[in-house]
Amino acid sequence: MVSRPLVFSLAVYGAPFSAQASQTAYAFAKALIDVGHRLERVFFYQDGIHAANVLAVPPQDEENLTEAWHSLAREHQVELVVCIAAALRRGLLNGEEAQRYGKPASNLAPGFEIAGLGQLLEAAVTSDRLITFGA
């Protein structure tokens, strides 16, 4: 355990299956929780938003990062926030956005929420550390 737990937030910019950023961020998140720190929020931006796609099916020999992030968030009360602008641009929609844009379905995974960049700014201000993964 650490002497004084810190509050961390993470920003993930890399796609889960074409870059190492999401996997590294997930491993870092687990490690900081294991040593007693608090993970407040994970903000998925740019191609990092693909970690929240419920329709993605990774190869059987790879970890399903969407499910892994969801489990981590549920067990440790971590907010998983997806940038709305990046999500819309890449076809990732929750039910409300699908209806707003007349799309036939939503594909945002359970445990994730769509919000604006203000959530990233708030994380930077309220956390002791904001760590970014990816370009």
N, C-alpha and C. Protein backbone atom coordinates (compact mmCIF):
# COMPACT_ATOMS: atom_id res chain seq x y z
N MET A 1 0.83 -1.19 0.00
CA MET A 1 0.00 0.00 0.00
C MET A 1 0.88 1.25 0.00
N VAL A 2 0.32 2.32 -0.50
CA VAL A 2 1.05 3.58 -0.56
C VAL A 2 0.75 4.39 0.70
N SER A 3 1.65 5.31 1.04
CA SER A 3 1.46 6.10 2.25
C SER A 3 0.27 7.05 2.11
N ARG A 4 0.15 7.72 1.00
CA ARG A 4 -0.99 8.59 0.74
C ARG A 4 -1.51 8.27 -0.65
N PRO A 5 -2.70 7.68 -0.74
CA PRO A 5 -3.24 7.35 -2.06
C PRO A 5 -3.46 8.61 -2.90
N LEU A 6 -3.11 8.52 -4.15
CA LEU A 6 -3.35 9.61 -5.10
C LEU A 6 -4.58 9.30 -5.94
N VAL A 7 -5.18 10.34 -6.46
CA VAL A 7 -6.30 10.19 -7.38
C VAL A 7 -5.75 10.36 -8.79
N PHE A 8 -5.98 9.34 -9.62
CA PHE A 8 -5.51 9.36 -11.00
C PHE A 8 -6.69 9.42 -11.95
N SER A 9 -6.47 10.03 -13.10
CA SER A 9 -7.34 9.90 -14.25
C SER A 9 -6.45 9.57 -15.43
N LEU A 10 -7.00 8.85 -16.39
CA LEU A 10 -6.24 8.44 -17.57
C LEU A 10 -6.92 8.96 -18.82
N ALA A 11 -6.14 9.27 -19.84
CA ALA A 11 -6.65 9.61 -21.16
C ALA A 11 -6.06 8.62 -22.14
N VAL A 12 -6.92 7.93 -22.88
CA VAL A 12 -6.49 6.89 -23.81
C VAL A 12 -6.78 7.36 -25.24
N TYR A 13 -5.73 7.47 -26.05
CA TYR A 13 -5.84 7.98 -27.41
C TYR A 13 -5.71 6.90 -28.48
N GLY A 14 -5.17 5.75 -28.15
CA GLY A 14 -4.91 4.72 -29.15
C GLY A 14 -6.00 3.66 -29.21
N ALA A 15 -6.28 3.19 -30.43
CA ALA A 15 -7.28 2.13 -30.64
C ALA A 15 -6.84 0.85 -29.94
N PRO A 16 -7.78 0.10 -29.40
CA PRO A 16 -7.42 -1.07 -28.59
C PRO A 16 -6.75 -2.21 -29.34
N PHE A 17 -6.99 -2.37 -30.62
CA PHE A 17 -6.45 -3.53 -31.32
C PHE A 17 -5.46 -3.19 -32.41
N SER A 18 -5.10 -1.90 -32.52
CA SER A 18 -4.09 -1.53 -33.50
C SER A 18 -2.95 -0.72 -32.87
N ALA A 19 -3.05 -0.47 -31.58
CA ALA A 19 -2.00 0.26 -30.85
C ALA A 19 -1.90 -0.32 -29.46
N GLN A 20 -0.79 -0.10 -28.82
CA GLN A 20 -0.55 -0.63 -27.49
C GLN A 20 -1.14 0.25 -26.39
N ALA A 21 -1.56 1.46 -26.72
CA ALA A 21 -1.98 2.45 -25.71
C ALA A 21 -3.09 1.94 -24.80
N SER A 22 -4.12 1.36 -25.35
CA SER A 22 -5.25 0.92 -24.53
C SER A 22 -4.85 -0.22 -23.59
N GLN A 23 -4.10 -1.18 -24.09
CA GLN A 23 -3.64 -2.29 -23.26
C GLN A 23 -2.72 -1.80 -22.15
N THR A 24 -1.82 -0.89 -22.48
CA THR A 24 -0.90 -0.34 -21.48
C THR A 24 -1.67 0.47 -20.44
N ALA A 25 -2.64 1.25 -20.88
CA ALA A 25 -3.46 2.03 -19.96
C ALA A 25 -4.22 1.12 -19.01
N TYR A 26 -4.76 0.04 -19.54
CA TYR A 26 -5.50 -0.90 -18.70
C TYR A 26 -4.58 -1.55 -17.66
N ALA A 27 -3.41 -1.98 -18.07
CA ALA A 27 -2.45 -2.58 -17.14
C ALA A 27 -2.02 -1.57 -16.07
N PHE A 28 -1.81 -0.34 -16.49
CA PHE A 28 -1.44 0.72 -15.54
C PHE A 28 -2.58 0.97 -14.55
N ALA A 29 -3.81 1.00 -15.06
CA ALA A 29 -4.98 1.21 -14.20
C ALA A 29 -5.07 0.13 -13.12
N LYS A 30 -4.93 -1.12 -13.53
CA LYS A 30 -4.98 -2.22 -12.57
C LYS A 30 -3.87 -2.10 -11.55
N ALA A 31 -2.68 -1.76 -11.99
CA ALA A 31 -1.53 -1.67 -11.09
C ALA A 31 -1.70 -0.55 -10.07
N LEU A 32 -2.19 0.60 -10.50
CA LEU A 32 -2.32 1.69 -9.54
C LEU A 32 -3.41 1.40 -8.51
N ILE A 33 -4.46 0.72 -8.93
CA ILE A 33 -5.51 0.31 -7.98
C ILE A 33 -4.95 -0.74 -7.01
N ASP A 34 -4.17 -1.67 -7.54
CA ASP A 34 -3.60 -2.74 -6.70
C ASP A 34 -2.69 -2.21 -5.59
N VAL A 35 -2.03 -1.08 -5.84
CA VAL A 35 -1.13 -0.53 -4.80
C VAL A 35 -1.84 0.49 -3.92
N GLY A 36 -3.13 0.71 -4.14
CA GLY A 36 -3.90 1.54 -3.22
C GLY A 36 -4.27 2.93 -3.69
N HIS A 37 -3.96 3.27 -4.93
CA HIS A 37 -4.38 4.57 -5.45
C HIS A 37 -5.82 4.49 -5.94
N ARG A 38 -6.41 5.62 -6.22
CA ARG A 38 -7.79 5.70 -6.70
C ARG A 38 -7.78 6.12 -8.15
N LEU A 39 -8.48 5.37 -8.99
CA LEU A 39 -8.68 5.73 -10.39
C LEU A 39 -10.07 6.35 -10.50
N GLU A 40 -10.12 7.62 -10.83
CA GLU A 40 -11.38 8.36 -10.88
C GLU A 40 -12.07 8.21 -12.24
N ARG A 41 -11.30 8.45 -13.31
CA ARG A 41 -11.92 8.50 -14.64
C ARG A 41 -10.93 8.05 -15.69
N VAL A 42 -11.46 7.38 -16.72
CA VAL A 42 -10.69 7.08 -17.92
C VAL A 42 -11.43 7.76 -19.06
N PHE A 43 -10.72 8.63 -19.78
CA PHE A 43 -11.31 9.38 -20.88
C PHE A 43 -10.75 8.83 -22.18
N PHE A 44 -11.63 8.36 -23.03
CA PHE A 44 -11.24 7.78 -24.32
C PHE A 44 -11.44 8.83 -25.40
N TYR A 45 -10.37 9.10 -26.13
CA TYR A 45 -10.36 10.19 -27.11
C TYR A 45 -9.71 9.70 -28.40
N GLN A 46 -9.98 10.37 -29.49
CA GLN A 46 -9.48 10.00 -30.81
C GLN A 46 -9.80 8.53 -31.06
N ASP A 47 -8.84 7.73 -31.54
CA ASP A 47 -9.12 6.32 -31.83
C ASP A 47 -9.28 5.47 -30.57
N GLY A 48 -8.96 6.02 -29.43
CA GLY A 48 -9.16 5.31 -28.17
C GLY A 48 -10.62 4.98 -27.90
N ILE A 49 -11.53 5.70 -28.56
CA ILE A 49 -12.97 5.47 -28.35
C ILE A 49 -13.39 4.07 -28.78
N HIS A 50 -12.61 3.43 -29.63
CA HIS A 50 -12.98 2.09 -30.10
C HIS A 50 -12.99 1.06 -28.97
N ALA A 51 -12.38 1.38 -27.84
CA ALA A 51 -12.43 0.48 -26.68
C ALA A 51 -13.85 0.36 -26.13
N ALA A 52 -14.74 1.27 -26.53
CA ALA A 52 -16.11 1.28 -26.01
C ALA A 52 -17.12 0.69 -26.99
N ASN A 53 -16.65 0.04 -28.04
CA ASN A 53 -17.54 -0.52 -29.07
C ASN A 53 -17.96 -1.93 -28.67
N VAL A 54 -19.22 -2.09 -28.32
CA VAL A 54 -19.74 -3.39 -27.88
C VAL A 54 -19.72 -4.42 -29.01
N LEU A 55 -19.63 -3.99 -30.25
CA LEU A 55 -19.65 -4.91 -31.38
C LEU A 55 -18.28 -5.46 -31.76
N ALA A 56 -17.22 -4.91 -31.19
CA ALA A 56 -15.88 -5.40 -31.50
C ALA A 56 -15.67 -6.80 -30.92
N VAL A 57 -15.09 -7.67 -31.71
CA VAL A 57 -14.82 -9.05 -31.27
C VAL A 57 -13.33 -9.32 -31.48
N PRO A 58 -12.55 -9.29 -30.39
CA PRO A 58 -11.12 -9.53 -30.54
C PRO A 58 -10.84 -11.01 -30.80
N PRO A 59 -9.67 -11.32 -31.34
CA PRO A 59 -9.29 -12.73 -31.51
C PRO A 59 -9.33 -13.45 -30.16
N GLN A 60 -9.57 -14.75 -30.20
CA GLN A 60 -9.73 -15.54 -28.98
C GLN A 60 -8.49 -15.52 -28.09
N ASP A 61 -7.32 -15.30 -28.67
CA ASP A 61 -6.11 -15.31 -27.87
C ASP A 61 -5.73 -13.92 -27.33
N GLU A 62 -6.61 -12.93 -27.52
CA GLU A 62 -6.38 -11.59 -27.00
C GLU A 62 -7.44 -11.23 -25.96
N GLU A 63 -7.05 -10.40 -25.03
CA GLU A 63 -7.98 -9.95 -24.00
C GLU A 63 -9.03 -9.03 -24.62
N ASN A 64 -10.26 -9.19 -24.20
CA ASN A 64 -11.33 -8.30 -24.65
C ASN A 64 -11.27 -7.05 -23.78
N LEU A 65 -10.64 -6.00 -24.30
CA LEU A 65 -10.45 -4.79 -23.51
C LEU A 65 -11.75 -4.08 -23.18
N THR A 66 -12.74 -4.19 -24.04
CA THR A 66 -14.03 -3.57 -23.74
C THR A 66 -14.61 -4.16 -22.47
N GLU A 67 -14.63 -5.47 -22.39
CA GLU A 67 -15.14 -6.14 -21.19
C GLU A 67 -14.22 -5.91 -19.99
N ALA A 68 -12.93 -5.88 -20.22
CA ALA A 68 -11.98 -5.67 -19.13
C ALA A 68 -12.16 -4.28 -18.51
N TRP A 69 -12.29 -3.26 -19.36
CA TRP A 69 -12.53 -1.90 -18.83
C TRP A 69 -13.84 -1.85 -18.06
N HIS A 70 -14.88 -2.48 -18.61
CA HIS A 70 -16.18 -2.47 -17.95
C HIS A 70 -16.10 -3.13 -16.57
N SER A 71 -15.45 -4.27 -16.48
CA SER A 71 -15.30 -4.96 -15.20
C SER A 71 -14.53 -4.12 -14.19
N LEU A 72 -13.43 -3.53 -14.65
CA LEU A 72 -12.63 -2.68 -13.77
C LEU A 72 -13.46 -1.51 -13.25
N ALA A 73 -14.21 -0.90 -14.13
CA ALA A 73 -15.04 0.25 -13.74
C ALA A 73 -16.12 -0.15 -12.74
N ARG A 74 -16.74 -1.26 -12.99
CA ARG A 74 -17.80 -1.74 -12.10
C ARG A 74 -17.25 -2.09 -10.71
N GLU A 75 -16.13 -2.77 -10.68
CA GLU A 75 -15.55 -3.21 -9.41
C GLU A 75 -14.97 -2.07 -8.57
N HIS A 76 -14.50 -1.01 -9.25
CA HIS A 76 -13.79 0.05 -8.54
C HIS A 76 -14.43 1.43 -8.71
N GLN A 77 -15.65 1.47 -9.19
CA GLN A 77 -16.39 2.72 -9.37
C GLN A 77 -15.58 3.76 -10.16
N VAL A 78 -15.13 3.36 -11.33
CA VAL A 78 -14.36 4.22 -12.21
C VAL A 78 -15.27 4.70 -13.34
N GLU A 79 -15.21 5.97 -13.65
CA GLU A 79 -15.97 6.52 -14.78
C GLU A 79 -15.23 6.23 -16.08
N LEU A 80 -15.94 5.67 -17.05
CA LEU A 80 -15.39 5.44 -18.39
C LEU A 80 -16.11 6.41 -19.33
N VAL A 81 -15.40 7.43 -19.77
CA VAL A 81 -16.00 8.51 -20.55
C VAL A 81 -15.43 8.51 -21.96
N VAL A 82 -16.32 8.55 -22.94
CA VAL A 82 -15.95 8.57 -24.35
C VAL A 82 -16.24 9.96 -24.91
N CYS A 83 -15.28 10.56 -25.59
CA CYS A 83 -15.46 11.87 -26.19
C CYS A 83 -16.56 11.82 -27.25
N ILE A 84 -17.56 12.66 -27.11
CA ILE A 84 -18.70 12.62 -28.03
C ILE A 84 -18.30 12.96 -29.46
N ALA A 85 -17.45 13.96 -29.65
CA ALA A 85 -17.07 14.35 -31.02
C ALA A 85 -16.29 13.22 -31.70
N ALA A 86 -15.35 12.62 -30.99
CA ALA A 86 -14.57 11.52 -31.55
C ALA A 86 -15.47 10.31 -31.81
N ALA A 87 -16.42 10.06 -30.92
CA ALA A 87 -17.32 8.91 -31.07
C ALA A 87 -18.22 9.08 -32.28
N LEU A 88 -18.84 10.23 -32.41
CA LEU A 88 -19.74 10.46 -33.56
C LEU A 88 -18.98 10.34 -34.88
N ARG A 89 -17.79 10.91 -34.93
CA ARG A 89 -16.97 10.89 -36.14
C ARG A 89 -16.62 9.46 -36.55
N ARG A 90 -16.51 8.56 -35.56
CA ARG A 90 -16.09 7.18 -35.83
C ARG A 90 -17.23 6.17 -35.74
N GLY A 91 -18.47 6.67 -35.64
CA GLY A 91 -19.62 5.78 -35.68
C GLY A 91 -19.91 5.04 -34.39
N LEU A 92 -19.51 5.60 -33.26
CA LEU A 92 -19.82 5.00 -31.96
C LEU A 92 -20.94 5.81 -31.33
N LEU A 93 -22.08 5.17 -31.11
CA LEU A 93 -23.27 5.88 -30.66
C LEU A 93 -23.92 5.20 -29.46
N ASN A 94 -24.42 6.00 -28.53
CA ASN A 94 -25.30 5.47 -27.50
C ASN A 94 -26.73 5.56 -28.04
N GLY A 95 -27.70 5.10 -27.29
CA GLY A 95 -29.09 5.09 -27.76
C GLY A 95 -29.61 6.47 -28.11
N GLU A 96 -29.28 7.44 -27.27
CA GLU A 96 -29.75 8.81 -27.49
C GLU A 96 -29.19 9.41 -28.78
N GLU A 97 -27.89 9.22 -29.01
CA GLU A 97 -27.26 9.78 -30.23
C GLU A 97 -27.74 9.03 -31.47
N ALA A 98 -27.95 7.73 -31.37
CA ALA A 98 -28.47 6.97 -32.51
C ALA A 98 -29.84 7.50 -32.90
N GLN A 99 -30.66 7.75 -31.92
CA GLN A 99 -32.01 8.29 -32.20
C GLN A 99 -31.91 9.69 -32.77
N ARG A 100 -31.07 10.53 -32.20
CA ARG A 100 -30.91 11.92 -32.66
C ARG A 100 -30.50 11.98 -34.13
N TYR A 101 -29.63 11.09 -34.55
CA TYR A 101 -29.11 11.12 -35.92
C TYR A 101 -29.81 10.12 -36.84
N GLY A 102 -30.89 9.50 -36.36
CA GLY A 102 -31.66 8.59 -37.20
C GLY A 102 -30.92 7.33 -37.59
N LYS A 103 -30.07 6.85 -36.73
CA LYS A 103 -29.32 5.62 -37.00
C LYS A 103 -30.09 4.43 -36.44
N PRO A 104 -29.96 3.26 -37.06
CA PRO A 104 -30.78 2.11 -36.68
C PRO A 104 -30.39 1.43 -35.36
N ALA A 105 -29.19 1.72 -34.84
CA ALA A 105 -28.76 1.01 -33.63
C ALA A 105 -27.70 1.81 -32.90
N SER A 106 -27.48 1.42 -31.66
CA SER A 106 -26.38 1.99 -30.88
C SER A 106 -25.34 0.90 -30.67
N ASN A 107 -24.11 1.30 -30.38
CA ASN A 107 -23.05 0.31 -30.18
C ASN A 107 -22.10 0.68 -29.04
N LEU A 108 -22.54 1.55 -28.15
CA LEU A 108 -21.74 1.89 -26.98
C LEU A 108 -21.86 0.77 -25.95
N ALA A 109 -20.74 0.28 -25.52
CA ALA A 109 -20.71 -0.84 -24.56
C ALA A 109 -21.23 -0.41 -23.19
N PRO A 110 -21.79 -1.35 -22.44
CA PRO A 110 -22.23 -1.05 -21.08
C PRO A 110 -21.06 -0.56 -20.23
N GLY A 111 -21.36 0.37 -19.35
CA GLY A 111 -20.33 0.90 -18.45
C GLY A 111 -19.65 2.15 -18.97
N PHE A 112 -19.80 2.44 -20.25
CA PHE A 112 -19.20 3.62 -20.85
C PHE A 112 -20.27 4.69 -21.01
N GLU A 113 -19.86 5.95 -20.93
CA GLU A 113 -20.77 7.06 -21.18
C GLU A 113 -20.14 8.01 -22.19
N ILE A 114 -20.97 8.71 -22.92
CA ILE A 114 -20.51 9.69 -23.90
C ILE A 114 -20.64 11.07 -23.28
N ALA A 115 -19.58 11.87 -23.40
CA ALA A 115 -19.58 13.23 -22.85
C ALA A 115 -18.57 14.07 -23.63
N GLY A 116 -18.51 15.33 -23.29
CA GLY A 116 -17.63 16.26 -23.98
C GLY A 116 -16.24 16.35 -23.37
N LEU A 117 -15.40 17.15 -24.02
CA LEU A 117 -14.03 17.34 -23.57
C LEU A 117 -13.95 17.99 -22.19
N GLY A 118 -15.04 18.61 -21.76
CA GLY A 118 -15.06 19.19 -20.42
C GLY A 118 -14.76 18.15 -19.34
N GLN A 119 -15.14 16.89 -19.60
CA GLN A 119 -14.86 15.81 -18.64
C GLN A 119 -13.36 15.55 -18.53
N LEU A 120 -12.65 15.71 -19.65
CA LEU A 120 -11.20 15.55 -19.61
C LEU A 120 -10.56 16.71 -18.84
N LEU A 121 -11.04 17.91 -19.09
CA LEU A 121 -10.53 19.08 -18.38
C LEU A 121 -10.80 18.96 -16.88
N GLU A 122 -12.01 18.54 -16.53
CA GLU A 122 -12.35 18.35 -15.12
C GLU A 122 -11.44 17.31 -14.47
N ALA A 123 -11.16 16.23 -15.18
CA ALA A 123 -10.26 15.19 -14.66
C ALA A 123 -8.87 15.76 -14.40
N ALA A 124 -8.39 16.61 -15.30
CA ALA A 124 -7.07 17.22 -15.13
C ALA A 124 -7.03 18.11 -13.90
N VAL A 125 -8.13 18.79 -13.62
CA VAL A 125 -8.17 19.72 -12.50
C VAL A 125 -8.38 19.00 -11.16
N THR A 126 -9.20 17.97 -11.14
CA THR A 126 -9.58 17.34 -9.88
C THR A 126 -8.71 16.15 -9.48
N SER A 127 -7.93 15.62 -10.40
CA SER A 127 -7.07 14.47 -10.09
C SER A 127 -5.69 14.95 -9.68
N ASP A 128 -5.00 14.13 -8.90
CA ASP A 128 -3.61 14.43 -8.58
C ASP A 128 -2.72 14.24 -9.79
N ARG A 129 -3.08 13.27 -10.63
CA ARG A 129 -2.30 12.97 -11.84
C ARG A 129 -3.23 12.63 -12.98
N LEU A 130 -2.95 13.17 -14.16
CA LEU A 130 -3.63 12.78 -15.39
C LEU A 130 -2.54 12.21 -16.30
N ILE A 131 -2.67 10.93 -16.63
CA ILE A 131 -1.68 10.23 -17.44
C ILE A 131 -2.32 9.93 -18.80
N THR A 132 -1.59 10.22 -19.88
CA THR A 132 -2.09 9.97 -21.23
C THR A 132 -1.38 8.77 -21.84
N PHE A 133 -2.12 8.04 -22.67
CA PHE A 133 -1.60 6.85 -23.36
C PHE A 133 -1.93 6.99 -24.83
N GLY A 134 -0.92 7.00 -25.68
CA GLY A 134 -1.10 7.14 -27.12
C GLY A 134 -0.80 8.57 -27.57
N ALA A 135 -0.85 8.75 -28.87
CA ALA A 135 -0.48 10.06 -29.44
C ALA A 135 -1.63 11.02 -29.47
